[in-house]
């Protein structure tokens, strides 16, 4: 319940945040080589 308190999971801004983290932290992300 505490994790989903913002309720923005489907918003474009939330996707920007999630994608930013994926590019930088997830070595399996196809765009990781250009960021992380």
ModelCIF file with pLDDT and N, C-alpha, C, O atoms, coordinates in Angstrom:
data_MODEL
#
_entry.id   MODEL 
#
_entity.id                         1 
_entity.type                       polymer 
_entity.pdbx_number_of_molecules   1 
#
_entity_poly.entity_id                      1 
_entity_poly.type                           'polypeptide(L)' 
_entity_poly.nstd_linkage                   no 
_entity_poly.nstd_monomer                   no 
_entity_poly.pdbx_seq_one_letter_code       
;(UNK)(UNK)(UNK)(UNK)(UNK)(UNK)(UNK)(UNK)(UNK)(UNK)(UNK)(UNK)(UNK)(UNK)(UNK)(UNK)
(UNK)(UNK)(UNK)(UNK)(UNK)(UNK)(UNK)(UNK)(UNK)(UNK)(UNK)(UNK)(UNK)(UNK)(UNK)(UNK)
(UNK)(UNK)(UNK)(UNK)
;
_entity_poly.pdbx_seq_one_letter_code_can   XXXXXXXXXXXXXXXXXXXXXXXXXXXXXXXXXXXX 
_entity_poly.pdbx_strand_id                 A 
#
loop_
_entity_poly_seq.entity_id 
_entity_poly_seq.num 
_entity_poly_seq.mon_id 
_entity_poly_seq.hetero 
1 1  UNK n 
1 2  UNK n 
1 3  UNK n 
1 4  UNK n 
1 5  UNK n 
1 6  UNK n 
1 7  UNK n 
1 8  UNK n 
1 9  UNK n 
1 10 UNK n 
1 11 UNK n 
1 12 UNK n 
1 13 UNK n 
1 14 UNK n 
1 15 UNK n 
1 16 UNK n 
1 17 UNK n 
1 18 UNK n 
1 19 UNK n 
1 20 UNK n 
1 21 UNK n 
1 22 UNK n 
1 23 UNK n 
1 24 UNK n 
1 25 UNK n 
1 26 UNK n 
1 27 UNK n 
1 28 UNK n 
1 29 UNK n 
1 30 UNK n 
1 31 UNK n 
1 32 UNK n 
1 33 UNK n 
1 34 UNK n 
1 35 UNK n 
1 36 UNK n 
#
_struct_asym.id          A 
_struct_asym.entity_id   1 
#
loop_
_ma_qa_metric.id 
_ma_qa_metric.mode 
_ma_qa_metric.name 
_ma_qa_metric.software_group_id 
_ma_qa_metric.type 
1 global pLDDT . pLDDT 
2 local  pLDDT . pLDDT 
#
_ma_qa_metric_global.metric_id      1 
_ma_qa_metric_global.metric_value   83.97 
_ma_qa_metric_global.model_id       1 
_ma_qa_metric_global.ordinal_id     1 
#
loop_
_ma_qa_metric_local.label_asym_id 
_ma_qa_metric_local.label_comp_id 
_ma_qa_metric_local.label_seq_id 
_ma_qa_metric_local.metric_id 
_ma_qa_metric_local.metric_value 
_ma_qa_metric_local.model_id 
_ma_qa_metric_local.ordinal_id 
A UNK 1  2 55.00 1 1  
A UNK 2  2 52.00 1 2  
A UNK 3  2 53.00 1 3  
A UNK 4  2 52.00 1 4  
A UNK 5  2 55.00 1 5  
A UNK 6  2 59.00 1 6  
A UNK 7  2 69.00 1 7  
A UNK 8  2 80.00 1 8  
A UNK 9  2 77.00 1 9  
A UNK 10 2 78.00 1 10 
A UNK 11 2 87.00 1 11 
A UNK 12 2 91.00 1 12 
A UNK 13 2 93.00 1 13 
A UNK 14 2 90.00 1 14 
A UNK 15 2 92.00 1 15 
A UNK 16 2 94.00 1 16 
A UNK 17 2 94.00 1 17 
A UNK 18 2 92.00 1 18 
A UNK 19 2 93.00 1 19 
A UNK 20 2 95.00 1 20 
A UNK 21 2 94.00 1 21 
A UNK 22 2 93.00 1 22 
A UNK 23 2 93.00 1 23 
A UNK 24 2 94.00 1 24 
A UNK 25 2 92.00 1 25 
A UNK 26 2 91.00 1 26 
A UNK 27 2 90.00 1 27 
A UNK 28 2 89.00 1 28 
A UNK 29 2 89.00 1 29 
A UNK 30 2 91.00 1 30 
A UNK 31 2 90.00 1 31 
A UNK 32 2 93.00 1 32 
A UNK 33 2 94.00 1 33 
A UNK 34 2 92.00 1 34 
A UNK 35 2 93.00 1 35 
A UNK 36 2 94.00 1 36 
#
loop_
_atom_site.group_PDB 
_atom_site.id 
_atom_site.type_symbol 
_atom_site.label_atom_id 
_atom_site.label_alt_id 
_atom_site.label_comp_id 
_atom_site.label_asym_id 
_atom_site.label_entity_id 
_atom_site.label_seq_id 
_atom_site.pdbx_PDB_ins_code 
_atom_site.Cartn_x 
_atom_site.Cartn_y 
_atom_site.Cartn_z 
_atom_site.occupancy 
_atom_site.B_iso_or_equiv 
_atom_site.pdbx_formal_charge 
_atom_site.auth_seq_id 
_atom_site.auth_comp_id 
_atom_site.auth_asym_id 
_atom_site.auth_atom_id 
_atom_site.pdbx_PDB_model_num 
ATOM 1   N N  . UNK A 1 1  ? 0.840  -1.203 0.000   1.00 55.00 ? 1  UNK A N  1 
ATOM 2   C CA . UNK A 1 1  ? 0.000  0.000  0.000   1.00 55.00 ? 1  UNK A CA 1 
ATOM 3   C C  . UNK A 1 1  ? 0.871  1.247  0.000   1.00 55.00 ? 1  UNK A C  1 
ATOM 4   O O  . UNK A 1 1  ? 0.581  2.202  -0.721  1.00 55.00 ? 1  UNK A O  1 
ATOM 5   N N  . UNK A 1 2  ? 1.943  1.252  0.806   1.00 52.00 ? 2  UNK A N  1 
ATOM 6   C CA . UNK A 1 2  ? 2.826  2.407  0.889   1.00 52.00 ? 2  UNK A CA 1 
ATOM 7   C C  . UNK A 1 2  ? 3.544  2.640  -0.436  1.00 52.00 ? 2  UNK A C  1 
ATOM 8   O O  . UNK A 1 2  ? 3.770  3.789  -0.814  1.00 52.00 ? 2  UNK A O  1 
ATOM 9   N N  . UNK A 1 3  ? 3.909  1.566  -1.155  1.00 53.00 ? 3  UNK A N  1 
ATOM 10  C CA . UNK A 1 3  ? 4.627  1.703  -2.412  1.00 53.00 ? 3  UNK A CA 1 
ATOM 11  C C  . UNK A 1 3  ? 3.787  2.352  -3.496  1.00 53.00 ? 3  UNK A C  1 
ATOM 12  O O  . UNK A 1 3  ? 4.332  3.046  -4.354  1.00 53.00 ? 3  UNK A O  1 
ATOM 13  N N  . UNK A 1 4  ? 2.488  2.149  -3.484  1.00 52.00 ? 4  UNK A N  1 
ATOM 14  C CA . UNK A 1 4  ? 1.663  2.686  -4.565  1.00 52.00 ? 4  UNK A CA 1 
ATOM 15  C C  . UNK A 1 4  ? 0.877  3.915  -4.137  1.00 52.00 ? 4  UNK A C  1 
ATOM 16  O O  . UNK A 1 4  ? -0.177 4.207  -4.702  1.00 52.00 ? 4  UNK A O  1 
ATOM 17  N N  . UNK A 1 5  ? 1.377  4.630  -3.152  1.00 55.00 ? 5  UNK A N  1 
ATOM 18  C CA . UNK A 1 5  ? 0.632  5.756  -2.610  1.00 55.00 ? 5  UNK A CA 1 
ATOM 19  C C  . UNK A 1 5  ? 0.443  6.903  -3.597  1.00 55.00 ? 5  UNK A C  1 
ATOM 20  O O  . UNK A 1 5  ? -0.539 7.639  -3.498  1.00 55.00 ? 5  UNK A O  1 
ATOM 21  N N  . UNK A 1 6  ? 1.370  7.072  -4.553  1.00 59.00 ? 6  UNK A N  1 
ATOM 22  C CA . UNK A 1 6  ? 1.253  8.202  -5.459  1.00 59.00 ? 6  UNK A CA 1 
ATOM 23  C C  . UNK A 1 6  ? 0.170  8.004  -6.512  1.00 59.00 ? 6  UNK A C  1 
ATOM 24  O O  . UNK A 1 6  ? -0.407 8.983  -6.987  1.00 59.00 ? 6  UNK A O  1 
ATOM 25  N N  . UNK A 1 7  ? -0.120 6.753  -6.888  1.00 69.00 ? 7  UNK A N  1 
ATOM 26  C CA . UNK A 1 7  ? -1.183 6.476  -7.842  1.00 69.00 ? 7  UNK A CA 1 
ATOM 27  C C  . UNK A 1 7  ? -0.885 6.908  -9.266  1.00 69.00 ? 7  UNK A C  1 
ATOM 28  O O  . UNK A 1 7  ? -1.800 7.001  -10.084 1.00 69.00 ? 7  UNK A O  1 
ATOM 29  N N  . UNK A 1 8  ? 0.369  7.172  -9.578  1.00 80.00 ? 8  UNK A N  1 
ATOM 30  C CA . UNK A 1 8  ? 0.742  7.666  -10.901 1.00 80.00 ? 8  UNK A CA 1 
ATOM 31  C C  . UNK A 1 8  ? 1.305  6.581  -11.817 1.00 80.00 ? 8  UNK A C  1 
ATOM 32  O O  . UNK A 1 8  ? 1.798  6.898  -12.899 1.00 80.00 ? 8  UNK A O  1 
ATOM 33  N N  . UNK A 1 9  ? 1.245  5.323  -11.419 1.00 77.00 ? 9  UNK A N  1 
ATOM 34  C CA . UNK A 1 9  ? 1.941  4.261  -12.154 1.00 77.00 ? 9  UNK A CA 1 
ATOM 35  C C  . UNK A 1 9  ? 1.653  4.255  -13.648 1.00 77.00 ? 9  UNK A C  1 
ATOM 36  O O  . UNK A 1 9  ? 2.527  3.858  -14.419 1.00 77.00 ? 9  UNK A O  1 
ATOM 37  N N  . UNK A 1 10 ? 0.495  4.666  -14.089 1.00 78.00 ? 10 UNK A N  1 
ATOM 38  C CA . UNK A 1 10 ? 0.184  4.659  -15.514 1.00 78.00 ? 10 UNK A CA 1 
ATOM 39  C C  . UNK A 1 10 ? 0.447  5.981  -16.214 1.00 78.00 ? 10 UNK A C  1 
ATOM 40  O O  . UNK A 1 10 ? 0.225  6.090  -17.420 1.00 78.00 ? 10 UNK A O  1 
ATOM 41  N N  . UNK A 1 11 ? 0.910  6.979  -15.494 1.00 87.00 ? 11 UNK A N  1 
ATOM 42  C CA . UNK A 1 11 ? 1.082  8.310  -16.097 1.00 87.00 ? 11 UNK A CA 1 
ATOM 43  C C  . UNK A 1 11 ? 2.348  8.387  -16.950 1.00 87.00 ? 11 UNK A C  1 
ATOM 44  O O  . UNK A 1 11 ? 3.266  7.583  -16.786 1.00 87.00 ? 11 UNK A O  1 
ATOM 45  N N  . UNK A 1 12 ? 2.389  9.359  -17.861 1.00 91.00 ? 12 UNK A N  1 
ATOM 46  C CA . UNK A 1 12 ? 3.565  9.550  -18.710 1.00 91.00 ? 12 UNK A CA 1 
ATOM 47  C C  . UNK A 1 12 ? 4.783  9.945  -17.884 1.00 91.00 ? 12 UNK A C  1 
ATOM 48  O O  . UNK A 1 12 ? 5.894  9.503  -18.174 1.00 91.00 ? 12 UNK A O  1 
ATOM 49  N N  . UNK A 1 13 ? 4.589  10.773 -16.856 1.00 93.00 ? 13 UNK A N  1 
ATOM 50  C CA . UNK A 1 13 ? 5.710  11.192 -16.024 1.00 93.00 ? 13 UNK A CA 1 
ATOM 51  C C  . UNK A 1 13 ? 6.301  10.002 -15.282 1.00 93.00 ? 13 UNK A C  1 
ATOM 52  O O  . UNK A 1 13 ? 7.521  9.889  -15.168 1.00 93.00 ? 13 UNK A O  1 
ATOM 53  N N  . UNK A 1 14 ? 5.454  9.116  -14.779 1.00 90.00 ? 14 UNK A N  1 
ATOM 54  C CA . UNK A 1 14 ? 5.952  7.924  -14.100 1.00 90.00 ? 14 UNK A CA 1 
ATOM 55  C C  . UNK A 1 14 ? 6.759  7.069  -15.077 1.00 90.00 ? 14 UNK A C  1 
ATOM 56  O O  . UNK A 1 14 ? 7.790  6.512  -14.701 1.00 90.00 ? 14 UNK A O  1 
ATOM 57  N N  . UNK A 1 15 ? 6.303  6.959  -16.323 1.00 92.00 ? 15 UNK A N  1 
ATOM 58  C CA . UNK A 1 15 ? 7.031  6.188  -17.330 1.00 92.00 ? 15 UNK A CA 1 
ATOM 59  C C  . UNK A 1 15 ? 8.394  6.812  -17.624 1.00 92.00 ? 15 UNK A C  1 
ATOM 60  O O  . UNK A 1 15 ? 9.371  6.091  -17.828 1.00 92.00 ? 15 UNK A O  1 
ATOM 61  N N  . UNK A 1 16 ? 8.469  8.138  -17.647 1.00 94.00 ? 16 UNK A N  1 
ATOM 62  C CA . UNK A 1 16 ? 9.755  8.823  -17.839 1.00 94.00 ? 16 UNK A CA 1 
ATOM 63  C C  . UNK A 1 16 ? 10.711 8.405  -16.728 1.00 94.00 ? 16 UNK A C  1 
ATOM 64  O O  . UNK A 1 16 ? 11.862 8.059  -16.992 1.00 94.00 ? 16 UNK A O  1 
ATOM 65  N N  . UNK A 1 17 ? 10.234 8.439  -15.490 1.00 94.00 ? 17 UNK A N  1 
ATOM 66  C CA . UNK A 1 17 ? 11.052 8.075  -14.327 1.00 94.00 ? 17 UNK A CA 1 
ATOM 67  C C  . UNK A 1 17 ? 11.488 6.616  -14.394 1.00 94.00 ? 17 UNK A C  1 
ATOM 68  O O  . UNK A 1 17 ? 12.662 6.306  -14.193 1.00 94.00 ? 17 UNK A O  1 
ATOM 69  N N  . UNK A 1 18 ? 10.549 5.723  -14.675 1.00 92.00 ? 18 UNK A N  1 
ATOM 70  C CA . UNK A 1 18 ? 10.851 4.288  -14.734 1.00 92.00 ? 18 UNK A CA 1 
ATOM 71  C C  . UNK A 1 18 ? 11.826 3.986  -15.877 1.00 92.00 ? 18 UNK A C  1 
ATOM 72  O O  . UNK A 1 18 ? 12.761 3.206  -15.696 1.00 92.00 ? 18 UNK A O  1 
ATOM 73  N N  . UNK A 1 19 ? 11.622 4.587  -17.039 1.00 93.00 ? 19 UNK A N  1 
ATOM 74  C CA . UNK A 1 19 ? 12.506 4.353  -18.181 1.00 93.00 ? 19 UNK A CA 1 
ATOM 75  C C  . UNK A 1 19 ? 13.905 4.894  -17.929 1.00 93.00 ? 19 UNK A C  1 
ATOM 76  O O  . UNK A 1 19 ? 14.892 4.276  -18.328 1.00 93.00 ? 19 UNK A O  1 
ATOM 77  N N  . UNK A 1 20 ? 13.998 6.043  -17.271 1.00 95.00 ? 20 UNK A N  1 
ATOM 78  C CA . UNK A 1 20 ? 15.285 6.630  -16.928 1.00 95.00 ? 20 UNK A CA 1 
ATOM 79  C C  . UNK A 1 20 ? 16.079 5.655  -16.049 1.00 95.00 ? 20 UNK A C  1 
ATOM 80  O O  . UNK A 1 20 ? 17.267 5.430  -16.281 1.00 95.00 ? 20 UNK A O  1 
ATOM 81  N N  . UNK A 1 21 ? 15.428 5.090  -15.062 1.00 94.00 ? 21 UNK A N  1 
ATOM 82  C CA . UNK A 1 21 ? 16.096 4.129  -14.175 1.00 94.00 ? 21 UNK A CA 1 
ATOM 83  C C  . UNK A 1 21 ? 16.494 2.870  -14.937 1.00 94.00 ? 21 UNK A C  1 
ATOM 84  O O  . UNK A 1 21 ? 17.587 2.341  -14.730 1.00 94.00 ? 21 UNK A O  1 
ATOM 85  N N  . UNK A 1 22 ? 15.620 2.385  -15.816 1.00 93.00 ? 22 UNK A N  1 
ATOM 86  C CA . UNK A 1 22 ? 15.929 1.183  -16.601 1.00 93.00 ? 22 UNK A CA 1 
ATOM 87  C C  . UNK A 1 22 ? 17.167 1.395  -17.475 1.00 93.00 ? 22 UNK A C  1 
ATOM 88  O O  . UNK A 1 22 ? 18.054 0.541  -17.501 1.00 93.00 ? 22 UNK A O  1 
ATOM 89  N N  . UNK A 1 23 ? 17.238 2.516  -18.187 1.00 93.00 ? 23 UNK A N  1 
ATOM 90  C CA . UNK A 1 23 ? 18.378 2.785  -19.073 1.00 93.00 ? 23 UNK A CA 1 
ATOM 91  C C  . UNK A 1 23 ? 19.691 2.832  -18.308 1.00 93.00 ? 23 UNK A C  1 
ATOM 92  O O  . UNK A 1 23 ? 20.736 2.448  -18.832 1.00 93.00 ? 23 UNK A O  1 
ATOM 93  N N  . UNK A 1 24 ? 19.635 3.303  -17.066 1.00 94.00 ? 24 UNK A N  1 
ATOM 94  C CA . UNK A 1 24 ? 20.858 3.491  -16.297 1.00 94.00 ? 24 UNK A CA 1 
ATOM 95  C C  . UNK A 1 24 ? 21.234 2.289  -15.433 1.00 94.00 ? 24 UNK A C  1 
ATOM 96  O O  . UNK A 1 24 ? 22.412 2.099  -15.131 1.00 94.00 ? 24 UNK A O  1 
ATOM 97  N N  . UNK A 1 25 ? 20.269 1.484  -15.034 1.00 92.00 ? 25 UNK A N  1 
ATOM 98  C CA . UNK A 1 25 ? 20.546 0.451  -14.034 1.00 92.00 ? 25 UNK A CA 1 
ATOM 99  C C  . UNK A 1 25 ? 20.373 -0.990 -14.511 1.00 92.00 ? 25 UNK A C  1 
ATOM 100 O O  . UNK A 1 25 ? 20.971 -1.902 -13.939 1.00 92.00 ? 25 UNK A O  1 
ATOM 101 N N  . UNK A 1 26 ? 19.578 -1.207 -15.533 1.00 91.00 ? 26 UNK A N  1 
ATOM 102 C CA . UNK A 1 26 ? 19.271 -2.566 -15.960 1.00 91.00 ? 26 UNK A CA 1 
ATOM 103 C C  . UNK A 1 26 ? 20.138 -2.954 -17.150 1.00 91.00 ? 26 UNK A C  1 
ATOM 104 O O  . UNK A 1 26 ? 19.890 -2.514 -18.273 1.00 91.00 ? 26 UNK A O  1 
ATOM 105 N N  . UNK A 1 27 ? 21.148 -3.773 -16.909 1.00 90.00 ? 27 UNK A N  1 
ATOM 106 C CA . UNK A 1 27 ? 22.081 -4.151 -17.972 1.00 90.00 ? 27 UNK A CA 1 
ATOM 107 C C  . UNK A 1 27 ? 21.408 -4.956 -19.081 1.00 90.00 ? 27 UNK A C  1 
ATOM 108 O O  . UNK A 1 27 ? 21.980 -5.108 -20.160 1.00 90.00 ? 27 UNK A O  1 
ATOM 109 N N  . UNK A 1 28 ? 20.207 -5.472 -18.837 1.00 89.00 ? 28 UNK A N  1 
ATOM 110 C CA . UNK A 1 28 ? 19.473 -6.201 -19.876 1.00 89.00 ? 28 UNK A CA 1 
ATOM 111 C C  . UNK A 1 28 ? 18.624 -5.266 -20.752 1.00 89.00 ? 28 UNK A C  1 
ATOM 112 O O  . UNK A 1 28 ? 18.064 -5.701 -21.757 1.00 89.00 ? 28 UNK A O  1 
ATOM 113 N N  . UNK A 1 29 ? 18.531 -4.005 -20.378 1.00 89.00 ? 29 UNK A N  1 
ATOM 114 C CA . UNK A 1 29 ? 17.789 -3.035 -21.175 1.00 89.00 ? 29 UNK A CA 1 
ATOM 115 C C  . UNK A 1 29 ? 18.550 -2.779 -22.474 1.00 89.00 ? 29 UNK A C  1 
ATOM 116 O O  . UNK A 1 29 ? 19.766 -2.591 -22.454 1.00 89.00 ? 29 UNK A O  1 
ATOM 117 N N  . UNK A 1 30 ? 17.836 -2.771 -23.607 1.00 91.00 ? 30 UNK A N  1 
ATOM 118 C CA . UNK A 1 30 ? 18.508 -2.635 -24.905 1.00 91.00 ? 30 UNK A CA 1 
ATOM 119 C C  . UNK A 1 30 ? 19.237 -1.303 -25.061 1.00 91.00 ? 30 UNK A C  1 
ATOM 120 O O  . UNK A 1 30 ? 20.124 -1.182 -25.906 1.00 91.00 ? 30 UNK A O  1 
ATOM 121 N N  . UNK A 1 31 ? 18.874 -0.303 -24.257 1.00 90.00 ? 31 UNK A N  1 
ATOM 122 C CA . UNK A 1 31 ? 19.525 1.010  -24.358 1.00 90.00 ? 31 UNK A CA 1 
ATOM 123 C C  . UNK A 1 31 ? 20.544 1.257  -23.243 1.00 90.00 ? 31 UNK A C  1 
ATOM 124 O O  . UNK A 1 31 ? 21.102 2.350  -23.143 1.00 90.00 ? 31 UNK A O  1 
ATOM 125 N N  . UNK A 1 32 ? 20.783 0.251  -22.412 1.00 93.00 ? 32 UNK A N  1 
ATOM 126 C CA . UNK A 1 32 ? 21.713 0.373  -21.281 1.00 93.00 ? 32 UNK A CA 1 
ATOM 127 C C  . UNK A 1 32 ? 23.106 0.814  -21.742 1.00 93.00 ? 32 UNK A C  1 
ATOM 128 O O  . UNK A 1 32 ? 23.731 1.646  -21.085 1.00 93.00 ? 32 UNK A O  1 
ATOM 129 N N  . UNK A 1 33 ? 23.597 0.276  -22.851 1.00 94.00 ? 33 UNK A N  1 
ATOM 130 C CA . UNK A 1 33 ? 24.962 0.580  -23.307 1.00 94.00 ? 33 UNK A CA 1 
ATOM 131 C C  . UNK A 1 33 ? 25.187 2.084  -23.496 1.00 94.00 ? 33 UNK A C  1 
ATOM 132 O O  . UNK A 1 33 ? 26.303 2.571  -23.314 1.00 94.00 ? 33 UNK A O  1 
ATOM 133 N N  . UNK A 1 34 ? 24.145 2.809  -23.857 1.00 92.00 ? 34 UNK A N  1 
ATOM 134 C CA . UNK A 1 34 ? 24.276 4.246  -24.087 1.00 92.00 ? 34 UNK A CA 1 
ATOM 135 C C  . UNK A 1 34 ? 24.110 5.094  -22.826 1.00 92.00 ? 34 UNK A C  1 
ATOM 136 O O  . UNK A 1 34 ? 24.381 6.294  -22.849 1.00 92.00 ? 34 UNK A O  1 
ATOM 137 N N  . UNK A 1 35 ? 23.673 4.489  -21.745 1.00 93.00 ? 35 UNK A N  1 
ATOM 138 C CA . UNK A 1 35 ? 23.490 5.221  -20.480 1.00 93.00 ? 35 UNK A CA 1 
ATOM 139 C C  . UNK A 1 35 ? 24.290 4.555  -19.365 1.00 93.00 ? 35 UNK A C  1 
ATOM 140 O O  . UNK A 1 35 ? 25.422 4.952  -19.091 1.00 93.00 ? 35 UNK A O  1 
ATOM 141 N N  . UNK A 1 36 ? 23.721 3.571  -18.739 1.00 94.00 ? 36 UNK A N  1 
ATOM 142 C CA . UNK A 1 36 ? 24.410 2.891  -17.635 1.00 94.00 ? 36 UNK A CA 1 
ATOM 143 C C  . UNK A 1 36 ? 25.748 2.318  -18.044 1.00 94.00 ? 36 UNK A C  1 
ATOM 144 O O  . UNK A 1 36 ? 26.440 1.719  -17.221 1.00 94.00 ? 36 UNK A O  1 
#
